[in-house]
Amino acid sequence: MGEANGLNVEVHGGGVGNLHVLGAVYLPGLYFERGLLHPLIDYDVPPSWLNTLVDPMDDEGFVHISLDPGLGYDINWDYIHANLVA
């Protein structure tokens, strides 16, 4: 609706899916939420099941969309296989 009326679209909520939505719309918003940042969680360290972050922030505070296939997940398959639930 926003695009149809010439308005920027602000997607609320974090996650790599929403980052890609922002990159796909014609008039993207100006902000991307990396999530509700908890003071005791280091958001610059990937979770155990990933080798790299999917939404790294650069030195100027910008988050760039991955150019890797799909959503840009670099999955740590060794961790996945070691933690399978049978």
PDB file of N, CA and C in Angstrom:
ATOM      1  N   MET A   1       0.820  -1.196   0.000  1.00  0.00           N
ATOM      2  CA  MET A   1       0.000   0.000   0.000  1.00  0.00           C
ATOM      3  C   MET A   1       0.859   1.254   0.000  1.00  0.00           C
ATOM      4  N   GLY A   2       1.921   1.206   0.829  1.00  0.00           N
ATOM      5  CA  GLY A   2       2.797   2.366   0.908  1.00  0.00           C
ATOM      6  C   GLY A   2       3.418   2.689  -0.436  1.00  0.00           C
ATOM      7  N   GLU A   3       3.934   1.672  -1.102  1.00  0.00           N
ATOM      8  CA  GLU A   3       4.559   1.891  -2.407  1.00  0.00           C
ATOM      9  C   GLU A   3       3.564   2.441  -3.418  1.00  0.00           C
ATOM     10  N   ALA A   4       2.328   1.942  -3.393  1.00  0.00           N
ATOM     11  CA  ALA A   4       1.308   2.395  -4.335  1.00  0.00           C
ATOM     12  C   ALA A   4       1.013   3.876  -4.165  1.00  0.00           C
ATOM     13  N   ASN A   5       1.291   4.387  -2.957  1.00  0.00           N
ATOM     14  CA  ASN A   5       1.035   5.798  -2.674  1.00  0.00           C
ATOM     15  C   ASN A   5       2.307   6.625  -2.575  1.00  0.00           C
ATOM     16  N   GLY A   6       3.434   6.070  -3.064  1.00  0.00           N
ATOM     17  CA  GLY A   6       4.685   6.813  -3.099  1.00  0.00           C
ATOM     18  C   GLY A   6       5.332   7.003  -1.734  1.00  0.00           C
ATOM     19  N   LEU A   7       5.040   6.117  -0.792  1.00  0.00           N
ATOM     20  CA  LEU A   7       5.590   6.248   0.556  1.00  0.00           C
ATOM     21  C   LEU A   7       6.679   5.207   0.791  1.00  0.00           C
ATOM     22  N   ASN A   8       7.663   5.576   1.610  1.00  0.00           N
ATOM     23  CA  ASN A   8       8.662   4.599   2.024  1.00  0.00           C
ATOM     24  C   ASN A   8       7.982   3.555   2.894  1.00  0.00           C
ATOM     25  N   VAL A   9       8.482   2.333   2.815  1.00  0.00           N
ATOM     26  CA  VAL A   9       7.932   1.235   3.592  1.00  0.00           C
ATOM     27  C   VAL A   9       8.891   0.913   4.728  1.00  0.00           C
ATOM     28  N   GLU A  10       8.395   0.920   5.955  1.00  0.00           N
ATOM     29  CA  GLU A  10       9.197   0.538   7.113  1.00  0.00           C
ATOM     30  C   GLU A  10       8.717  -0.832   7.580  1.00  0.00           C
ATOM     31  N   VAL A  11       9.598  -1.817   7.494  1.00  0.00           N
ATOM     32  CA  VAL A  11       9.279  -3.169   7.937  1.00  0.00           C
ATOM     33  C   VAL A  11       9.681  -3.275   9.398  1.00  0.00           C
ATOM     34  N   HIS A  12       8.735  -3.590  10.249  1.00  0.00           N
ATOM     35  CA  HIS A  12       9.019  -3.685  11.680  1.00  0.00           C
ATOM     36  C   HIS A  12       9.389  -5.108  12.039  1.00  0.00           C
ATOM     37  N   GLY A  13      10.456  -5.239  12.769  1.00  0.00           N
ATOM     38  CA  GLY A  13      10.940  -6.543  13.189  1.00  0.00           C
ATOM     39  C   GLY A  13      12.246  -6.875  12.510  1.00  0.00           C
ATOM     40  N   GLY A  14      13.051  -7.649  13.216  1.00  0.00           N
ATOM     41  CA  GLY A  14      14.349  -8.032  12.682  1.00  0.00           C
ATOM     42  C   GLY A  14      14.281  -9.326  11.908  1.00  0.00           C
ATOM     43  N   GLY A  15      15.414  -9.844  11.621  1.00  0.00           N
ATOM     44  CA  GLY A  15      15.514 -11.109  10.904  1.00  0.00           C
ATOM     45  C   GLY A  15      15.911 -10.897   9.463  1.00  0.00           C
ATOM     46  N   VAL A  16      16.629 -11.880   8.956  1.00  0.00           N
ATOM     47  CA  VAL A  16      17.157 -11.771   7.605  1.00  0.00           C
ATOM     48  C   VAL A  16      16.042 -11.724   6.560  1.00  0.00           C
ATOM     49  N   GLY A  17      14.909 -12.363   6.822  1.00  0.00           N
ATOM     50  CA  GLY A  17      13.789 -12.307   5.883  1.00  0.00           C
ATOM     51  C   GLY A  17      13.285 -10.887   5.690  1.00  0.00           C
ATOM     52  N   ASN A  18      13.135 -10.172   6.792  1.00  0.00           N
ATOM     53  CA  ASN A  18      12.686  -8.778   6.695  1.00  0.00           C
ATOM     54  C   ASN A  18      13.738  -7.895   6.034  1.00  0.00           C
ATOM     55  N   LEU A  19      15.012  -8.199   6.240  1.00  0.00           N
ATOM     56  CA  LEU A  19      16.068  -7.449   5.560  1.00  0.00           C
ATOM     57  C   LEU A  19      15.941  -7.598   4.052  1.00  0.00           C
ATOM     58  N   HIS A  20      15.650  -8.802   3.586  1.00  0.00           N
ATOM     59  CA  HIS A  20      15.499  -9.033   2.146  1.00  0.00           C
ATOM     60  C   HIS A  20      14.225  -8.392   1.605  1.00  0.00           C
ATOM     61  N   VAL A  21      13.176  -8.345   2.409  1.00  0.00           N
ATOM     62  CA  VAL A  21      11.954  -7.645   1.982  1.00  0.00           C
ATOM     63  C   VAL A  21      12.278  -6.169   1.755  1.00  0.00           C
ATOM     64  N   LEU A  22      13.020  -5.567   2.669  1.00  0.00           N
ATOM     65  CA  LEU A  22      13.392  -4.159   2.501  1.00  0.00           C
ATOM     66  C   LEU A  22      14.183  -3.938   1.220  1.00  0.00           C
ATOM     67  N   GLY A  23      15.041  -4.906   0.891  1.00  0.00           N
ATOM     68  CA  GLY A  23      15.831  -4.775  -0.332  1.00  0.00           C
ATOM     69  C   GLY A  23      15.038  -5.003  -1.596  1.00  0.00           C
ATOM     70  N   ALA A  24      13.862  -5.611  -1.474  1.00  0.00           N
ATOM     71  CA  ALA A  24      13.062  -5.946  -2.652  1.00  0.00           C
ATOM     72  C   ALA A  24      12.004  -4.905  -2.982  1.00  0.00           C
ATOM     73  N   VAL A  25      11.641  -4.069  -2.027  1.00  0.00           N
ATOM     74  CA  VAL A  25      10.585  -3.100  -2.298  1.00  0.00           C
ATOM     75  C   VAL A  25      11.142  -1.914  -3.079  1.00  0.00           C
ATOM     76  N   TYR A  26      10.278  -1.257  -3.798  1.00  0.00           N
ATOM     77  CA  TYR A  26      10.683  -0.144  -4.662  1.00  0.00           C
ATOM     78  C   TYR A  26      11.144   1.056  -3.848  1.00  0.00           C
ATOM     79  N   LEU A  27      10.411   1.404  -2.810  1.00  0.00           N
ATOM     80  CA  LEU A  27      10.770   2.530  -1.953  1.00  0.00           C
ATOM     81  C   LEU A  27      11.052   2.006  -0.539  1.00  0.00           C
ATOM     82  N   PRO A  28      12.260   1.456  -0.322  1.00  0.00           N
ATOM     83  CA  PRO A  28      12.528   0.880   0.997  1.00  0.00           C
ATOM     84  C   PRO A  28      12.575   1.941   2.083  1.00  0.00           C
ATOM     85  N   GLY A  29      12.357   1.505   3.281  1.00  0.00           N
ATOM     86  CA  GLY A  29      12.453   2.405   4.422  1.00  0.00           C
ATOM     87  C   GLY A  29      13.900   2.760   4.718  1.00  0.00           C
ATOM     88  N   LEU A  30      14.089   3.556   5.725  1.00  0.00           N
ATOM     89  CA  LEU A  30      15.422   4.014   6.074  1.00  0.00           C
ATOM     90  C   LEU A  30      16.049   3.202   7.192  1.00  0.00           C
ATOM     91  N   TYR A  31      15.264   2.363   7.856  1.00  0.00           N
ATOM     92  CA  TYR A  31      15.752   1.679   9.045  1.00  0.00           C
ATOM     93  C   TYR A  31      15.513   0.183   8.972  1.00  0.00           C
ATOM     94  N   PHE A  32      16.444  -0.574   9.547  1.00  0.00           N
ATOM     95  CA  PHE A  32      16.295  -2.014   9.699  1.00  0.00           C
ATOM     96  C   PHE A  32      16.549  -2.338  11.161  1.00  0.00           C
ATOM     97  N   GLU A  33      15.616  -3.050  11.772  1.00  0.00           N
ATOM     98  CA  GLU A  33      15.772  -3.448  13.170  1.00  0.00           C
ATOM     99  C   GLU A  33      16.507  -4.778  13.229  1.00  0.00           C
ATOM    100  N   ARG A  34      17.625  -4.820  13.918  1.00  0.00           N
ATOM    101  CA  ARG A  34      18.339  -6.088  14.093  1.00  0.00           C
ATOM    102  C   ARG A  34      17.670  -6.939  15.153  1.00  0.00           C
ATOM    103  N   GLY A  35      16.629  -6.461  15.758  1.00  0.00           N
ATOM    104  CA  GLY A  35      15.913  -7.198  16.788  1.00  0.00           C
ATOM    105  C   GLY A  35      15.875  -6.397  18.071  1.00  0.00           C
ATOM    106  N   LEU A  36      15.244  -6.953  19.062  1.00  0.00           N
ATOM    107  CA  LEU A  36      15.219  -6.315  20.370  1.00  0.00           C
ATOM    108  C   LEU A  36      16.534  -6.670  21.051  1.00  0.00           C
ATOM    109  N   LEU A  37      17.465  -5.743  21.021  1.00  0.00           N
ATOM    110  CA  LEU A  37      18.823  -6.023  21.462  1.00  0.00           C
ATOM    111  C   LEU A  37      18.918  -6.096  22.981  1.00  0.00           C
ATOM    112  N   HIS A  38      19.262  -7.271  23.480  1.00  0.00           N
ATOM    113  CA  HIS A  38      19.422  -7.496  24.914  1.00  0.00           C
ATOM    114  C   HIS A  38      20.852  -7.119  25.309  1.00  0.00           C
ATOM    115  N   PRO A  39      21.049  -6.448  26.419  1.00  0.00           N
ATOM    116  CA  PRO A  39      22.397  -6.000  26.783  1.00  0.00           C
ATOM    117  C   PRO A  39      23.389  -7.123  27.078  1.00  0.00           C
ATOM    118  N   LEU A  40      22.923  -8.336  27.358  1.00  0.00           N
ATOM    119  CA  LEU A  40      23.833  -9.433  27.681  1.00  0.00           C
ATOM    120  C   LEU A  40      24.118 -10.357  26.490  1.00  0.00           C
ATOM    121  N   ILE A  41      23.581 -10.030  25.316  1.00  0.00           N
ATOM    122  CA  ILE A  41      23.801 -10.846  24.120  1.00  0.00           C
ATOM    123  C   ILE A  41      24.658 -10.059  23.137  1.00  0.00           C
ATOM    124  N   ASP A  42      25.723 -10.698  22.646  1.00  0.00           N
ATOM    125  CA  ASP A  42      26.609 -10.060  21.667  1.00  0.00           C
ATOM    126  C   ASP A  42      26.068 -10.348  20.269  1.00  0.00           C
ATOM    127  N   TYR A  43      25.459  -9.365  19.643  1.00  0.00           N
ATOM    128  CA  TYR A  43      24.832  -9.546  18.339  1.00  0.00           C
ATOM    129  C   TYR A  43      25.834  -9.501  17.194  1.00  0.00           C
ATOM    130  N   ASP A  44      27.115  -9.300  17.517  1.00  0.00           N
ATOM    131  CA  ASP A  44      28.148  -9.325  16.489  1.00  0.00           C
ATOM    132  C   ASP A  44      28.851 -10.677  16.427  1.00  0.00           C
ATOM    133  N   VAL A  45      28.342 -11.651  17.176  1.00  0.00           N
ATOM    134  CA  VAL A  45      28.847 -13.026  17.145  1.00  0.00           C
ATOM    135  C   VAL A  45      27.718 -13.902  16.615  1.00  0.00           C
ATOM    136  N   PRO A  46      27.988 -14.703  15.580  1.00  0.00           N
ATOM    137  CA  PRO A  46      26.905 -15.537  15.035  1.00  0.00           C
ATOM    138  C   PRO A  46      26.480 -16.608  16.027  1.00  0.00           C
ATOM    139  N   PRO A  47      25.211 -17.036  15.961  1.00  0.00           N
ATOM    140  CA  PRO A  47      24.778 -18.149  16.802  1.00  0.00           C
ATOM    141  C   PRO A  47      25.546 -19.413  16.414  1.00  0.00           C
ATOM    142  N   SER A  48      25.534 -20.390  17.282  1.00  0.00           N
ATOM    143  CA  SER A  48      26.322 -21.614  17.079  1.00  0.00           C
ATOM    144  C   SER A  48      26.010 -22.323  15.770  1.00  0.00           C
ATOM    145  N   TRP A  49      24.794 -22.225  15.296  1.00  0.00           N
ATOM    146  CA  TRP A  49      24.404 -22.950  14.078  1.00  0.00           C
ATOM    147  C   TRP A  49      24.774 -22.223  12.789  1.00  0.00           C
ATOM    148  N   LEU A  50      25.387 -21.031  12.921  1.00  0.00           N
ATOM    149  CA  LEU A  50      25.845 -20.284  11.750  1.00  0.00           C
ATOM    150  C   LEU A  50      27.349 -20.054  11.823  1.00  0.00           C
ATOM    151  N   ASN A  51      27.996 -19.994  10.664  1.00  0.00           N
ATOM    152  CA  ASN A  51      29.419 -19.668  10.606  1.00  0.00           C
ATOM    153  C   ASN A  51      29.651 -18.163  10.566  1.00  0.00           C
ATOM    154  N   THR A  52      28.723 -17.434   9.964  1.00  0.00           N
ATOM    155  CA  THR A  52      28.837 -15.979   9.855  1.00  0.00           C
ATOM    156  C   THR A  52      27.475 -15.347  10.126  1.00  0.00           C
ATOM    157  N   LEU A  53      27.487 -14.069  10.463  1.00  0.00           N
ATOM    158  CA  LEU A  53      26.237 -13.334  10.678  1.00  0.00           C
ATOM    159  C   LEU A  53      25.497 -13.127   9.367  1.00  0.00           C
ATOM    160  N   VAL A  54      24.172 -13.092   9.431  1.00  0.00           N
ATOM    161  CA  VAL A  54      23.381 -12.802   8.230  1.00  0.00           C
ATOM    162  C   VAL A  54      23.030 -11.327   8.145  1.00  0.00           C
ATOM    163  N   ASP A  55      23.231 -10.593   9.247  1.00  0.00           N
ATOM    164  CA  ASP A  55      22.928  -9.160   9.236  1.00  0.00           C
ATOM    165  C   ASP A  55      24.040  -8.359   9.926  1.00  0.00           C
ATOM    166  N   PRO A  56      25.292  -8.506   9.430  1.00  0.00           N
ATOM    167  CA  PRO A  56      26.376  -7.770  10.077  1.00  0.00           C
ATOM    168  C   PRO A  56      26.221  -6.268   9.883  1.00  0.00           C
ATOM    169  N   MET A  57      26.617  -5.531  10.900  1.00  0.00           N
ATOM    170  CA  MET A  57      26.560  -4.071  10.839  1.00  0.00           C
ATOM    171  C   MET A  57      27.975  -3.546  10.571  1.00  0.00           C
ATOM    172  N   ASP A  58      28.094  -2.622   9.622  1.00  0.00           N
ATOM    173  CA  ASP A  58      29.415  -2.072   9.329  1.00  0.00           C
ATOM    174  C   ASP A  58      29.774  -0.961  10.328  1.00  0.00           C
ATOM    175  N   ASP A  59      30.938  -0.363  10.151  1.00  0.00           N
ATOM    176  CA  ASP A  59      31.429   0.654  11.094  1.00  0.00           C
ATOM    177  C   ASP A  59      30.567   1.910  11.131  1.00  0.00           C
ATOM    178  N   GLU A  60      29.776   2.127  10.095  1.00  0.00           N
ATOM    179  CA  GLU A  60      28.919   3.313  10.043  1.00  0.00           C
ATOM    180  C   GLU A  60      27.488   3.016  10.488  1.00  0.00           C
ATOM    181  N   GLY A  61      27.221   1.769  10.929  1.00  0.00           N
ATOM    182  CA  GLY A  61      25.898   1.417  11.422  1.00  0.00           C
ATOM    183  C   GLY A  61      24.939   0.913  10.365  1.00  0.00           C
ATOM    184  N   PHE A  62      25.454   0.610   9.175  1.00  0.00           N
ATOM    185  CA  PHE A  62      24.604   0.106   8.103  1.00  0.00           C
ATOM    186  C   PHE A  62      24.621  -1.418   8.078  1.00  0.00           C
ATOM    187  N   VAL A  63      23.488  -2.015   7.744  1.00  0.00           N
ATOM    188  CA  VAL A  63      23.374  -3.461   7.573  1.00  0.00           C
ATOM    189  C   VAL A  63      23.158  -3.704   6.081  1.00  0.00           C
ATOM    190  N   HIS A  64      23.998  -4.553   5.508  1.00  0.00           N
ATOM    191  CA  HIS A  64      23.931  -4.812   4.064  1.00  0.00           C
ATOM    192  C   HIS A  64      23.339  -6.187   3.796  1.00  0.00           C
ATOM    193  N   ILE A  65      22.623  -6.297   2.705  1.00  0.00           N
ATOM    194  CA  ILE A  65      22.034  -7.567   2.298  1.00  0.00           C
ATOM    195  C   ILE A  65      23.126  -8.444   1.706  1.00  0.00           C
ATOM    196  N   SER A  66      23.137  -9.713   2.105  1.00  0.00           N
ATOM    197  CA  SER A  66      24.129 -10.657   1.609  1.00  0.00           C
ATOM    198  C   SER A  66      23.950 -10.872   0.109  1.00  0.00           C
ATOM    199  N   LEU A  67      25.064 -11.037  -0.570  1.00  0.00           N
ATOM    200  CA  LEU A  67      25.031 -11.359  -1.996  1.00  0.00           C
ATOM    201  C   LEU A  67      25.100 -12.861  -2.232  1.00  0.00           C
ATOM    202  N   ASP A  68      25.179 -13.639  -1.141  1.00  0.00           N
ATOM    203  CA  ASP A  68      25.216 -15.094  -1.255  1.00  0.00           C
ATOM    204  C   ASP A  68      23.832 -15.626  -1.622  1.00  0.00           C
ATOM    205  N   PRO A  69      23.761 -16.840  -2.174  1.00  0.00           N
ATOM    206  CA  PRO A  69      22.462 -17.413  -2.573  1.00  0.00           C
ATOM    207  C   PRO A  69      21.494 -17.519  -1.400  1.00  0.00           C
ATOM    208  N   GLY A  70      20.217 -17.521  -1.759  1.00  0.00           N
ATOM    209  CA  GLY A  70      19.171 -17.651  -0.744  1.00  0.00           C
ATOM    210  C   GLY A  70      19.155 -16.443   0.166  1.00  0.00           C
ATOM    211  N   LEU A  71      19.011 -16.677   1.450  1.00  0.00           N
ATOM    212  CA  LEU A  71      19.002 -15.574   2.415  1.00  0.00           C
ATOM    213  C   LEU A  71      20.393 -15.253   2.931  1.00  0.00           C
ATOM    214  N   GLY A  72      21.408 -15.955   2.427  1.00  0.00           N
ATOM    215  CA  GLY A  72      22.778 -15.684   2.831  1.00  0.00           C
ATOM    216  C   GLY A  72      23.235 -16.449   4.051  1.00  0.00           C
ATOM    217  N   TYR A  73      22.469 -17.465   4.463  1.00  0.00           N
ATOM    218  CA  TYR A  73      22.871 -18.269   5.613  1.00  0.00           C
ATOM    219  C   TYR A  73      24.106 -19.103   5.277  1.00  0.00           C
ATOM    220  N   ASP A  74      25.126 -19.017   6.110  1.00  0.00           N
ATOM    221  CA  ASP A  74      26.309 -19.875   6.030  1.00  0.00           C
ATOM    222  C   ASP A  74      26.201 -20.830   7.214  1.00  0.00           C
ATOM    223  N   ILE A  75      25.509 -21.936   6.998  1.00  0.00           N
ATOM    224  CA  ILE A  75      25.132 -22.843   8.086  1.00  0.00           C
ATOM    225  C   ILE A  75      26.326 -23.679   8.538  1.00  0.00           C
ATOM    226  N   ASN A  76      26.465 -23.811   9.843  1.00  0.00           N
ATOM    227  CA  ASN A  76      27.496 -24.635  10.455  1.00  0.00           C
ATOM    228  C   ASN A  76      26.965 -26.066  10.530  1.00  0.00           C
ATOM    229  N   TRP A  77      27.185 -26.830   9.469  1.00  0.00           N
ATOM    230  CA  TRP A  77      26.622 -28.180   9.385  1.00  0.00           C
ATOM    231  C   TRP A  77      27.229 -29.111  10.416  1.00  0.00           C
ATOM    232  N   ASP A  78      28.469 -28.884  10.819  1.00  0.00           N
ATOM    233  CA  ASP A  78      29.063 -29.723  11.871  1.00  0.00           C
ATOM    234  C   ASP A  78      28.276 -29.570  13.170  1.00  0.00           C
ATOM    235  N   TYR A  79      27.889 -28.341  13.496  1.00  0.00           N
ATOM    236  CA  TYR A  79      27.089 -28.104  14.702  1.00  0.00           C
ATOM    237  C   TYR A  79      25.716 -28.753  14.568  1.00  0.00           C
ATOM    238  N   ILE A  80      25.103 -28.634  13.409  1.00  0.00           N
ATOM    239  CA  ILE A  80      23.768 -29.207  13.192  1.00  0.00           C
ATOM    240  C   ILE A  80      23.818 -30.723  13.382  1.00  0.00           C
ATOM    241  N   HIS A  81      24.785 -31.371  12.727  1.00  0.00           N
ATOM    242  CA  HIS A  81      24.872 -32.835  12.824  1.00  0.00           C
ATOM    243  C   HIS A  81      25.203 -33.290  14.236  1.00  0.00           C
ATOM    244  N   ALA A  82      25.990 -32.512  14.963  1.00  0.00           N
ATOM    245  CA  ALA A  82      26.353 -32.882  16.338  1.00  0.00           C
ATOM    246  C   ALA A  82      25.207 -32.682  17.324  1.00  0.00           C
ATOM    247  N   ASN A  83      24.180 -31.919  16.920  1.00  0.00           N
ATOM    248  CA  ASN A  83      23.078 -31.618  17.830  1.00  0.00           C
ATOM    249  C   ASN A  83      21.733 -32.113  17.329  1.00  0.00           C
ATOM    250  N   LEU A  84      21.727 -33.150  16.491  1.00  0.00           N
ATOM    251  CA  LEU A  84      20.475 -33.719  16.008  1.00  0.00           C
ATOM    252  C   LEU A  84      19.734 -34.399  17.150  1.00  0.00           C
ATOM    253  N   VAL A  85      18.438 -34.306  17.119  1.00  0.00           N
ATOM    254  CA  VAL A  85      17.596 -34.978  18.103  1.00  0.00           C
ATOM    255  C   VAL A  85      17.013 -36.210  17.429  1.00  0.00           C
ATOM    256  N   ALA A  86      17.279 -37.344  17.998  1.00  0.00           N
ATOM    257  CA  ALA A  86      16.814 -38.594  17.383  1.00  0.00           C
ATOM    258  C   ALA A  86      15.480 -39.018  17.935  1.00  0.00           C
TER     259      ALA A  86
END
